[in-house]
């Protein structure tokens, strides 16, 4: 077992590396640019939604008010007619990135701390590089990637988006693994 306090540099440095790499990955023009494609009639849809002043949140429509209504012929017909929509509404105005980037960095630190915790419980100081790589990298990969699959399974997110995000998570996990292996206490 390794003292968790001995891994603070690994946690912080790998967090900076993942943050920088994720920024580069999301700025590459070909990798994530089609995750949210334009839809036909965008302006008409926005004009129709704007007067409703929909508050921030996640929405499903048509949405039944009960399980009984879900089975009703009227509700089934609504779903057949479509569209069936799952929508997230965010505050309107300029899409500021500052808060999201700060929260993303905090999330990265939390994931990397979890990787440090699991590796520290399993490995002693002086553990071989590949053992550290395996524990830290697997934990980070799981944290960065596996929960994303639920969005495609339950909410219809495009599988291509989920697969790309999983590849991103694999890359981030390898960065965490390499950093931990490099800085593991001897």
N, C-alpha and C. Protein backbone atom coordinates (compact mmCIF):
# COMPACT_ATOMS: atom_id res chain seq x y z
N UNK A 1 0.84 -1.17 0.00
CA UNK A 1 0.00 0.00 0.00
C UNK A 1 0.89 1.25 0.00
N UNK A 2 0.46 2.26 -0.71
CA UNK A 2 1.20 3.51 -0.81
C UNK A 2 0.38 4.61 -0.15
N UNK A 3 1.05 5.49 0.55
CA UNK A 3 0.35 6.62 1.18
C UNK A 3 -0.28 7.50 0.10
N UNK A 4 -1.55 7.79 0.25
CA UNK A 4 -2.25 8.61 -0.74
C UNK A 4 -1.64 9.99 -0.86
N UNK A 5 -1.15 10.53 0.23
CA UNK A 5 -0.51 11.84 0.20
C UNK A 5 0.72 11.90 -0.69
N UNK A 6 1.34 10.75 -0.92
CA UNK A 6 2.53 10.71 -1.77
C UNK A 6 2.18 10.85 -3.25
N UNK A 7 0.89 10.84 -3.56
CA UNK A 7 0.47 10.86 -4.96
C UNK A 7 -0.13 12.20 -5.40
N UNK A 8 -0.07 13.21 -4.55
CA UNK A 8 -0.69 14.49 -4.88
C UNK A 8 -0.11 15.10 -6.16
N UNK A 9 1.21 14.98 -6.36
CA UNK A 9 1.82 15.54 -7.57
C UNK A 9 1.31 14.79 -8.81
N UNK A 10 1.19 13.47 -8.71
CA UNK A 10 0.66 12.68 -9.83
C UNK A 10 -0.77 13.10 -10.16
N UNK A 11 -1.58 13.30 -9.13
CA UNK A 11 -2.97 13.70 -9.34
C UNK A 11 -3.03 15.06 -10.03
N UNK A 12 -2.31 16.03 -9.51
CA UNK A 12 -2.37 17.39 -10.07
C UNK A 12 -1.75 17.48 -11.46
N UNK A 13 -0.59 16.87 -11.64
CA UNK A 13 0.08 16.97 -12.93
C UNK A 13 -0.70 16.22 -14.01
N UNK A 14 -1.20 15.03 -13.69
CA UNK A 14 -2.00 14.30 -14.68
C UNK A 14 -3.29 15.06 -14.98
N UNK A 15 -3.83 15.78 -14.01
CA UNK A 15 -5.03 16.60 -14.24
C UNK A 15 -4.74 17.72 -15.21
N UNK A 16 -3.61 18.37 -15.05
CA UNK A 16 -3.22 19.44 -15.99
C UNK A 16 -3.02 18.85 -17.39
N UNK A 17 -2.35 17.70 -17.47
CA UNK A 17 -2.11 17.08 -18.77
C UNK A 17 -3.43 16.70 -19.45
N UNK A 18 -4.36 16.09 -18.71
CA UNK A 18 -5.65 15.70 -19.29
C UNK A 18 -6.44 16.94 -19.69
N UNK A 19 -6.42 17.98 -18.87
CA UNK A 19 -7.13 19.20 -19.19
C UNK A 19 -6.62 19.81 -20.50
N UNK A 20 -5.31 19.89 -20.63
CA UNK A 20 -4.73 20.46 -21.85
C UNK A 20 -5.02 19.57 -23.07
N UNK A 21 -4.84 18.27 -22.90
CA UNK A 21 -5.09 17.36 -24.00
C UNK A 21 -6.57 17.38 -24.41
N UNK A 22 -7.47 17.41 -23.45
CA UNK A 22 -8.90 17.44 -23.78
C UNK A 22 -9.26 18.73 -24.51
N UNK A 23 -8.60 19.82 -24.16
CA UNK A 23 -8.85 21.07 -24.88
C UNK A 23 -8.41 20.95 -26.33
N UNK A 24 -7.27 20.34 -26.54
CA UNK A 24 -6.79 20.15 -27.91
C UNK A 24 -7.72 19.21 -28.68
N UNK A 25 -8.10 18.11 -28.06
CA UNK A 25 -8.97 17.13 -28.72
C UNK A 25 -10.29 17.77 -29.14
N UNK A 26 -10.85 18.61 -28.29
CA UNK A 26 -12.14 19.21 -28.62
C UNK A 26 -12.04 20.39 -29.57
N UNK A 27 -10.82 20.87 -29.81
CA UNK A 27 -10.64 21.93 -30.80
C UNK A 27 -10.26 21.39 -32.17
N UNK A 28 -9.90 20.10 -32.25
CA UNK A 28 -9.57 19.53 -33.55
C UNK A 28 -10.81 19.62 -34.43
N UNK A 29 -10.67 20.14 -35.63
CA UNK A 29 -11.85 20.40 -36.44
C UNK A 29 -12.60 19.15 -36.91
N UNK A 30 -11.98 18.00 -36.95
CA UNK A 30 -12.67 16.85 -37.53
C UNK A 30 -13.17 15.84 -36.51
N UNK A 31 -12.77 15.91 -35.25
CA UNK A 31 -13.07 14.85 -34.31
C UNK A 31 -14.47 14.98 -33.71
N UNK A 32 -14.80 16.12 -33.12
CA UNK A 32 -16.10 16.27 -32.44
C UNK A 32 -17.05 17.24 -33.14
N UNK A 33 -16.70 17.72 -34.32
CA UNK A 33 -17.50 18.76 -34.94
C UNK A 33 -18.92 18.32 -35.32
N UNK A 34 -19.13 17.04 -35.53
CA UNK A 34 -20.47 16.57 -35.92
C UNK A 34 -21.23 15.90 -34.78
N UNK A 35 -20.77 16.07 -33.55
CA UNK A 35 -21.48 15.48 -32.42
C UNK A 35 -22.90 16.05 -32.30
N UNK A 36 -23.06 17.31 -32.64
CA UNK A 36 -24.37 17.96 -32.60
C UNK A 36 -24.61 18.59 -33.97
N UNK A 37 -25.15 17.82 -34.91
CA UNK A 37 -25.34 18.34 -36.26
C UNK A 37 -26.44 19.40 -36.32
N UNK A 38 -26.36 20.25 -37.34
CA UNK A 38 -27.43 21.21 -37.59
C UNK A 38 -28.68 20.44 -37.99
N UNK A 39 -29.84 20.97 -37.62
CA UNK A 39 -31.07 20.32 -38.03
C UNK A 39 -31.86 21.26 -38.92
N UNK A 40 -32.64 20.68 -39.83
CA UNK A 40 -33.41 21.52 -40.74
C UNK A 40 -34.48 22.31 -39.97
N UNK A 41 -34.68 23.52 -40.38
CA UNK A 41 -35.71 24.34 -39.74
C UNK A 41 -35.31 24.84 -38.37
N UNK A 42 -34.03 24.93 -38.10
CA UNK A 42 -33.55 25.35 -36.78
C UNK A 42 -34.17 26.68 -36.34
N UNK A 43 -34.19 27.65 -37.21
CA UNK A 43 -34.73 28.96 -36.84
C UNK A 43 -36.22 28.89 -36.52
N UNK A 44 -36.98 28.09 -37.27
CA UNK A 44 -38.42 27.95 -37.00
C UNK A 44 -38.65 27.28 -35.65
N UNK A 45 -37.85 26.26 -35.34
CA UNK A 45 -38.01 25.58 -34.06
C UNK A 45 -37.67 26.54 -32.92
N UNK A 46 -36.58 27.28 -33.05
CA UNK A 46 -36.20 28.23 -32.00
C UNK A 46 -37.25 29.31 -31.83
N UNK A 47 -37.78 29.81 -32.95
CA UNK A 47 -38.84 30.82 -32.87
C UNK A 47 -40.09 30.29 -32.17
N UNK A 48 -40.39 29.00 -32.37
CA UNK A 48 -41.55 28.40 -31.71
C UNK A 48 -41.30 28.17 -30.22
N UNK A 49 -40.07 27.82 -29.85
CA UNK A 49 -39.76 27.54 -28.45
C UNK A 49 -39.56 28.80 -27.61
N UNK A 50 -39.03 29.84 -28.21
CA UNK A 50 -38.65 31.05 -27.48
C UNK A 50 -39.79 31.63 -26.63
N UNK A 51 -41.01 31.79 -27.16
CA UNK A 51 -42.09 32.37 -26.35
C UNK A 51 -42.49 31.49 -25.16
N UNK A 52 -42.13 30.22 -25.17
CA UNK A 52 -42.50 29.33 -24.08
C UNK A 52 -41.64 29.55 -22.83
N UNK A 53 -40.52 30.24 -22.99
CA UNK A 53 -39.62 30.53 -21.87
C UNK A 53 -39.35 29.29 -21.02
N UNK A 54 -38.93 28.24 -21.68
CA UNK A 54 -38.69 26.97 -21.01
C UNK A 54 -37.52 27.13 -20.04
N UNK A 55 -37.73 26.81 -18.76
CA UNK A 55 -36.63 26.96 -17.81
C UNK A 55 -35.54 25.91 -18.04
N UNK A 56 -34.37 26.23 -17.53
CA UNK A 56 -33.23 25.32 -17.62
C UNK A 56 -33.65 23.94 -17.10
N UNK A 57 -33.22 22.89 -17.81
CA UNK A 57 -33.52 21.55 -17.35
C UNK A 57 -33.51 20.54 -18.49
N UNK A 58 -33.82 19.31 -18.14
CA UNK A 58 -33.90 18.21 -19.10
C UNK A 58 -35.36 17.87 -19.31
N UNK A 59 -35.73 17.68 -20.57
CA UNK A 59 -37.13 17.46 -20.91
C UNK A 59 -37.27 16.29 -21.89
N UNK A 60 -38.39 15.61 -21.78
CA UNK A 60 -38.78 14.55 -22.69
C UNK A 60 -40.17 14.88 -23.17
N UNK A 61 -40.36 14.86 -24.48
CA UNK A 61 -41.73 15.01 -24.97
C UNK A 61 -41.91 14.25 -26.27
N UNK A 62 -43.10 13.66 -26.43
CA UNK A 62 -44.20 13.74 -25.48
C UNK A 62 -43.85 12.98 -24.20
N UNK A 63 -44.35 13.47 -23.09
CA UNK A 63 -44.09 12.84 -21.79
C UNK A 63 -45.42 12.47 -21.17
N UNK A 64 -45.57 11.21 -20.81
CA UNK A 64 -46.82 10.81 -20.16
C UNK A 64 -46.83 11.28 -18.71
N UNK A 65 -48.01 11.50 -18.17
CA UNK A 65 -48.12 11.92 -16.77
C UNK A 65 -48.13 10.73 -15.82
N UNK A 66 -48.32 9.51 -16.39
CA UNK A 66 -48.36 8.31 -15.56
C UNK A 66 -48.04 7.09 -16.43
N UNK A 67 -47.82 5.96 -15.77
CA UNK A 67 -47.61 4.72 -16.52
C UNK A 67 -48.87 4.34 -17.30
N UNK A 68 -50.00 4.61 -16.70
CA UNK A 68 -51.26 4.28 -17.39
C UNK A 68 -51.38 5.09 -18.68
N UNK A 69 -51.05 6.37 -18.62
CA UNK A 69 -51.13 7.20 -19.83
C UNK A 69 -50.15 6.71 -20.89
N UNK A 70 -48.99 6.21 -20.46
CA UNK A 70 -47.99 5.73 -21.40
C UNK A 70 -48.55 4.60 -22.28
N UNK A 71 -49.50 3.85 -21.72
CA UNK A 71 -50.08 2.72 -22.45
C UNK A 71 -51.34 3.11 -23.23
N UNK A 72 -51.78 4.35 -23.07
CA UNK A 72 -53.02 4.77 -23.71
C UNK A 72 -52.84 4.89 -25.23
N UNK A 73 -53.88 4.63 -25.99
CA UNK A 73 -53.79 4.76 -27.46
C UNK A 73 -53.43 6.19 -27.89
N UNK A 74 -53.91 7.18 -27.15
CA UNK A 74 -53.61 8.58 -27.51
C UNK A 74 -52.11 8.87 -27.39
N UNK A 75 -51.53 8.41 -26.29
CA UNK A 75 -50.10 8.66 -26.09
C UNK A 75 -49.27 7.87 -27.11
N UNK A 76 -49.64 6.64 -27.34
CA UNK A 76 -48.92 5.83 -28.33
C UNK A 76 -48.98 6.49 -29.70
N UNK A 77 -50.11 7.07 -30.04
CA UNK A 77 -50.25 7.77 -31.32
C UNK A 77 -49.35 9.00 -31.38
N UNK A 78 -49.25 9.73 -30.25
CA UNK A 78 -48.34 10.88 -30.21
C UNK A 78 -46.91 10.46 -30.53
N UNK A 79 -46.49 9.34 -29.93
CA UNK A 79 -45.11 8.89 -30.18
C UNK A 79 -44.93 8.43 -31.61
N UNK A 80 -45.98 7.84 -32.19
CA UNK A 80 -45.90 7.40 -33.59
C UNK A 80 -45.80 8.60 -34.53
N UNK A 81 -46.55 9.66 -34.22
CA UNK A 81 -46.53 10.86 -35.06
C UNK A 81 -45.19 11.59 -34.95
N UNK A 82 -44.58 11.54 -33.74
CA UNK A 82 -43.30 12.19 -33.53
C UNK A 82 -43.39 13.69 -33.63
N UNK A 83 -42.31 14.37 -33.43
CA UNK A 83 -41.05 13.77 -33.01
C UNK A 83 -41.07 13.42 -31.52
N UNK A 84 -40.22 12.49 -31.13
CA UNK A 84 -39.96 12.19 -29.72
C UNK A 84 -38.64 12.88 -29.42
N UNK A 85 -38.64 13.72 -28.41
CA UNK A 85 -37.48 14.58 -28.17
C UNK A 85 -37.01 14.47 -26.73
N UNK A 86 -35.72 14.35 -26.57
CA UNK A 86 -35.08 14.52 -25.26
C UNK A 86 -34.21 15.76 -25.44
N UNK A 87 -34.43 16.74 -24.58
CA UNK A 87 -33.82 18.04 -24.78
C UNK A 87 -33.28 18.59 -23.47
N UNK A 88 -32.13 19.17 -23.54
CA UNK A 88 -31.56 19.89 -22.40
C UNK A 88 -31.57 21.37 -22.73
N UNK A 89 -32.17 22.16 -21.86
CA UNK A 89 -32.20 23.61 -22.04
C UNK A 89 -31.19 24.21 -21.07
N UNK A 90 -30.30 25.02 -21.63
CA UNK A 90 -29.31 25.74 -20.81
C UNK A 90 -29.67 27.22 -20.83
N UNK A 91 -29.12 28.00 -19.90
CA UNK A 91 -29.46 29.43 -19.88
C UNK A 91 -29.13 30.09 -21.21
N UNK A 92 -30.01 30.98 -21.66
CA UNK A 92 -29.73 31.65 -22.92
C UNK A 92 -28.73 32.79 -22.70
N UNK A 93 -28.13 33.19 -23.79
CA UNK A 93 -27.08 34.19 -23.76
C UNK A 93 -25.81 33.59 -24.34
N UNK A 94 -24.73 34.35 -24.30
CA UNK A 94 -23.48 33.85 -24.85
C UNK A 94 -23.06 32.54 -24.15
N UNK A 95 -22.53 31.62 -24.93
CA UNK A 95 -22.11 30.33 -24.40
C UNK A 95 -20.73 30.47 -23.77
N UNK A 96 -20.70 30.98 -22.54
CA UNK A 96 -19.44 31.15 -21.83
C UNK A 96 -18.84 29.82 -21.45
N UNK A 97 -17.55 29.71 -21.58
CA UNK A 97 -16.87 28.45 -21.30
C UNK A 97 -16.16 28.44 -19.96
N UNK A 98 -16.00 29.58 -19.32
CA UNK A 98 -15.21 29.67 -18.10
C UNK A 98 -15.69 28.74 -16.99
N UNK A 99 -16.96 28.79 -16.66
CA UNK A 99 -17.50 27.94 -15.59
C UNK A 99 -17.39 26.47 -15.95
N UNK A 100 -17.74 26.13 -17.20
CA UNK A 100 -17.68 24.73 -17.63
C UNK A 100 -16.24 24.21 -17.58
N UNK A 101 -15.29 25.03 -18.01
CA UNK A 101 -13.89 24.59 -17.97
C UNK A 101 -13.41 24.41 -16.54
N UNK A 102 -13.82 25.29 -15.65
CA UNK A 102 -13.43 25.15 -14.24
C UNK A 102 -14.02 23.87 -13.64
N UNK A 103 -15.30 23.61 -13.92
CA UNK A 103 -15.93 22.39 -13.43
C UNK A 103 -15.30 21.15 -14.05
N UNK A 104 -14.94 21.23 -15.32
CA UNK A 104 -14.27 20.12 -15.99
C UNK A 104 -12.94 19.81 -15.30
N UNK A 105 -12.19 20.85 -14.95
CA UNK A 105 -10.91 20.62 -14.28
C UNK A 105 -11.12 19.98 -12.90
N UNK A 106 -12.11 20.44 -12.17
CA UNK A 106 -12.42 19.84 -10.86
C UNK A 106 -12.78 18.37 -11.05
N UNK A 107 -13.59 18.08 -12.05
CA UNK A 107 -13.96 16.70 -12.35
C UNK A 107 -12.71 15.86 -12.65
N UNK A 108 -11.81 16.37 -13.46
CA UNK A 108 -10.58 15.66 -13.79
C UNK A 108 -9.79 15.36 -12.52
N UNK A 109 -9.67 16.34 -11.64
CA UNK A 109 -8.95 16.12 -10.38
C UNK A 109 -9.63 15.02 -9.56
N UNK A 110 -10.95 15.02 -9.50
CA UNK A 110 -11.67 13.99 -8.75
C UNK A 110 -11.43 12.61 -9.36
N UNK A 111 -11.54 12.50 -10.68
CA UNK A 111 -11.28 11.21 -11.35
C UNK A 111 -9.86 10.75 -11.06
N UNK A 112 -8.90 11.64 -11.19
CA UNK A 112 -7.50 11.26 -10.99
C UNK A 112 -7.21 10.95 -9.53
N UNK A 113 -7.91 11.60 -8.62
CA UNK A 113 -7.78 11.25 -7.20
C UNK A 113 -8.31 9.83 -6.96
N UNK A 114 -9.42 9.49 -7.60
CA UNK A 114 -9.96 8.12 -7.47
C UNK A 114 -8.98 7.10 -8.03
N UNK A 115 -8.35 7.43 -9.15
CA UNK A 115 -7.33 6.54 -9.71
C UNK A 115 -6.16 6.40 -8.74
N UNK A 116 -5.78 7.50 -8.10
CA UNK A 116 -4.70 7.46 -7.11
C UNK A 116 -5.09 6.60 -5.93
N UNK A 117 -6.32 6.75 -5.47
CA UNK A 117 -6.78 5.98 -4.32
C UNK A 117 -6.71 4.47 -4.61
N UNK A 118 -7.26 4.06 -5.73
CA UNK A 118 -7.28 2.63 -6.05
C UNK A 118 -5.87 2.10 -6.25
N UNK A 119 -5.05 2.83 -6.98
CA UNK A 119 -3.66 2.38 -7.18
C UNK A 119 -2.91 2.34 -5.85
N UNK A 120 -3.15 3.33 -4.99
CA UNK A 120 -2.42 3.38 -3.71
C UNK A 120 -2.80 2.22 -2.79
N UNK A 121 -4.04 1.73 -2.88
CA UNK A 121 -4.46 0.60 -2.06
C UNK A 121 -3.89 -0.72 -2.59
N UNK A 122 -3.65 -0.77 -3.89
CA UNK A 122 -3.22 -2.03 -4.51
C UNK A 122 -1.70 -2.16 -4.64
N UNK A 123 -0.99 -1.05 -4.68
CA UNK A 123 0.43 -1.10 -5.01
C UNK A 123 1.29 -0.44 -3.93
N UNK A 124 2.44 -1.02 -3.72
CA UNK A 124 3.40 -0.47 -2.76
C UNK A 124 4.33 0.51 -3.47
N UNK A 125 5.00 1.34 -2.68
CA UNK A 125 6.04 2.18 -3.28
C UNK A 125 7.05 1.27 -4.01
N UNK A 126 7.53 1.75 -5.14
CA UNK A 126 8.48 0.98 -5.92
C UNK A 126 7.83 -0.04 -6.84
N UNK A 127 6.49 -0.01 -6.95
CA UNK A 127 5.80 -0.94 -7.84
C UNK A 127 6.27 -0.72 -9.27
N UNK A 128 6.28 -1.78 -10.07
CA UNK A 128 6.71 -1.64 -11.47
C UNK A 128 5.82 -0.67 -12.25
N UNK A 129 6.43 0.01 -13.19
CA UNK A 129 5.74 1.01 -14.01
C UNK A 129 4.45 0.43 -14.61
N UNK A 130 4.52 -0.76 -15.20
CA UNK A 130 3.35 -1.32 -15.87
C UNK A 130 2.22 -1.66 -14.90
N UNK A 131 2.54 -2.04 -13.68
CA UNK A 131 1.50 -2.30 -12.68
C UNK A 131 0.79 -1.00 -12.33
N UNK A 132 1.55 0.06 -12.13
CA UNK A 132 0.97 1.38 -11.85
C UNK A 132 0.13 1.83 -13.04
N UNK A 133 0.69 1.68 -14.23
CA UNK A 133 -0.01 2.06 -15.45
C UNK A 133 -1.36 1.35 -15.53
N UNK A 134 -1.37 0.05 -15.25
CA UNK A 134 -2.59 -0.75 -15.34
C UNK A 134 -3.65 -0.28 -14.35
N UNK A 135 -3.29 -0.12 -13.07
CA UNK A 135 -4.28 0.26 -12.06
C UNK A 135 -4.78 1.69 -12.27
N UNK A 136 -3.87 2.62 -12.41
CA UNK A 136 -4.28 4.03 -12.56
C UNK A 136 -5.00 4.24 -13.89
N UNK A 137 -4.48 3.65 -14.95
CA UNK A 137 -5.07 3.85 -16.27
C UNK A 137 -6.44 3.23 -16.41
N UNK A 138 -6.60 2.02 -15.88
CA UNK A 138 -7.91 1.36 -15.96
C UNK A 138 -8.95 2.14 -15.18
N UNK A 139 -8.59 2.56 -13.98
CA UNK A 139 -9.54 3.33 -13.17
C UNK A 139 -9.93 4.62 -13.86
N UNK A 140 -8.94 5.35 -14.38
CA UNK A 140 -9.23 6.62 -15.06
C UNK A 140 -10.07 6.38 -16.31
N UNK A 141 -9.72 5.37 -17.09
CA UNK A 141 -10.50 5.06 -18.30
C UNK A 141 -11.96 4.77 -17.94
N UNK A 142 -12.17 3.92 -16.92
CA UNK A 142 -13.54 3.61 -16.51
C UNK A 142 -14.29 4.88 -16.13
N UNK A 143 -13.65 5.75 -15.36
CA UNK A 143 -14.31 6.96 -14.89
C UNK A 143 -14.60 7.94 -16.03
N UNK A 144 -13.68 8.06 -16.97
CA UNK A 144 -13.87 8.99 -18.07
C UNK A 144 -14.83 8.47 -19.14
N UNK A 145 -15.08 7.16 -19.17
CA UNK A 145 -15.77 6.61 -20.34
C UNK A 145 -17.06 5.84 -20.09
N UNK A 146 -17.09 4.96 -19.12
CA UNK A 146 -18.16 3.97 -19.08
C UNK A 146 -19.55 4.55 -18.86
N UNK A 147 -19.69 5.57 -18.06
CA UNK A 147 -21.02 6.13 -17.81
C UNK A 147 -21.60 6.81 -19.05
N UNK A 148 -20.77 7.14 -20.02
CA UNK A 148 -21.25 7.79 -21.23
C UNK A 148 -22.16 6.87 -22.05
N UNK A 149 -21.95 5.57 -21.94
CA UNK A 149 -22.72 4.61 -22.73
C UNK A 149 -24.20 4.64 -22.37
N UNK A 150 -24.51 5.01 -21.14
CA UNK A 150 -25.91 5.10 -20.73
C UNK A 150 -26.68 6.09 -21.59
N UNK A 151 -26.02 7.15 -22.02
CA UNK A 151 -26.70 8.17 -22.81
C UNK A 151 -27.16 7.62 -24.16
N UNK A 152 -26.39 6.72 -24.75
CA UNK A 152 -26.81 6.10 -26.01
C UNK A 152 -27.83 5.00 -25.77
N UNK A 153 -27.65 4.25 -24.70
CA UNK A 153 -28.57 3.15 -24.41
C UNK A 153 -29.97 3.68 -24.07
N UNK A 154 -30.05 4.64 -23.17
CA UNK A 154 -31.35 5.08 -22.67
C UNK A 154 -31.90 6.33 -23.34
N UNK A 155 -31.04 7.21 -23.83
CA UNK A 155 -31.51 8.52 -24.29
C UNK A 155 -31.26 8.78 -25.77
N UNK A 156 -30.80 7.77 -26.48
CA UNK A 156 -30.70 7.91 -27.93
C UNK A 156 -29.55 8.75 -28.44
N UNK A 157 -28.59 9.08 -27.59
CA UNK A 157 -27.43 9.83 -28.09
C UNK A 157 -26.78 9.01 -29.20
N UNK A 158 -26.28 9.66 -30.20
CA UNK A 158 -25.64 8.97 -31.32
C UNK A 158 -24.49 8.10 -30.81
N UNK A 159 -24.47 6.84 -31.25
CA UNK A 159 -23.40 5.95 -30.83
C UNK A 159 -22.04 6.46 -31.29
N UNK A 160 -22.00 7.16 -32.40
CA UNK A 160 -20.72 7.70 -32.88
C UNK A 160 -20.15 8.70 -31.87
N UNK A 161 -21.01 9.50 -31.26
CA UNK A 161 -20.57 10.45 -30.24
C UNK A 161 -20.05 9.71 -29.01
N UNK A 162 -20.76 8.67 -28.60
CA UNK A 162 -20.35 7.90 -27.43
C UNK A 162 -19.02 7.18 -27.69
N UNK A 163 -18.86 6.62 -28.88
CA UNK A 163 -17.61 5.92 -29.21
C UNK A 163 -16.45 6.91 -29.23
N UNK A 164 -16.65 8.08 -29.82
CA UNK A 164 -15.58 9.09 -29.83
C UNK A 164 -15.21 9.51 -28.41
N UNK A 165 -16.22 9.71 -27.56
CA UNK A 165 -15.95 10.10 -26.18
C UNK A 165 -15.24 8.97 -25.42
N UNK A 166 -15.54 7.73 -25.77
CA UNK A 166 -14.86 6.59 -25.15
C UNK A 166 -13.39 6.56 -25.57
N UNK A 167 -13.13 6.83 -26.84
CA UNK A 167 -11.73 6.92 -27.30
C UNK A 167 -11.02 8.05 -26.58
N UNK A 168 -11.71 9.18 -26.42
CA UNK A 168 -11.13 10.29 -25.64
C UNK A 168 -10.77 9.79 -24.24
N UNK A 169 -11.69 9.07 -23.60
CA UNK A 169 -11.46 8.55 -22.25
C UNK A 169 -10.29 7.59 -22.20
N UNK A 170 -10.12 6.79 -23.24
CA UNK A 170 -8.97 5.89 -23.31
C UNK A 170 -7.67 6.68 -23.38
N UNK A 171 -7.66 7.72 -24.18
CA UNK A 171 -6.47 8.58 -24.28
C UNK A 171 -6.19 9.24 -22.93
N UNK A 172 -7.22 9.80 -22.29
CA UNK A 172 -7.03 10.45 -21.00
C UNK A 172 -6.54 9.44 -19.96
N UNK A 173 -7.12 8.23 -19.98
CA UNK A 173 -6.68 7.18 -19.06
C UNK A 173 -5.21 6.84 -19.25
N UNK A 174 -4.76 6.79 -20.48
CA UNK A 174 -3.35 6.50 -20.76
C UNK A 174 -2.44 7.63 -20.28
N UNK A 175 -2.91 8.86 -20.41
CA UNK A 175 -2.13 10.00 -19.90
C UNK A 175 -2.00 9.92 -18.38
N UNK A 176 -3.11 9.62 -17.71
CA UNK A 176 -3.08 9.46 -16.25
C UNK A 176 -2.14 8.31 -15.89
N UNK A 177 -2.28 7.19 -16.59
CA UNK A 177 -1.46 6.01 -16.31
C UNK A 177 0.02 6.31 -16.47
N UNK A 178 0.35 6.98 -17.56
CA UNK A 178 1.76 7.32 -17.80
C UNK A 178 2.32 8.27 -16.76
N UNK A 179 1.51 9.24 -16.37
CA UNK A 179 1.97 10.20 -15.36
C UNK A 179 2.17 9.52 -14.02
N UNK A 180 1.22 8.68 -13.63
CA UNK A 180 1.35 7.96 -12.36
C UNK A 180 2.55 7.02 -12.39
N UNK A 181 2.72 6.31 -13.50
CA UNK A 181 3.87 5.40 -13.61
C UNK A 181 5.19 6.13 -13.51
N UNK A 182 5.26 7.29 -14.13
CA UNK A 182 6.48 8.11 -14.13
C UNK A 182 6.78 8.63 -12.71
N UNK A 183 5.74 9.09 -12.00
CA UNK A 183 5.95 9.75 -10.71
C UNK A 183 5.69 8.84 -9.50
N UNK A 184 5.46 7.56 -9.72
CA UNK A 184 5.14 6.66 -8.60
C UNK A 184 6.28 6.66 -7.59
N UNK A 185 5.95 6.75 -6.31
CA UNK A 185 7.00 6.78 -5.28
C UNK A 185 7.89 5.52 -5.35
N UNK A 186 9.16 5.74 -5.23
CA UNK A 186 10.12 4.63 -5.29
C UNK A 186 10.38 4.15 -3.91
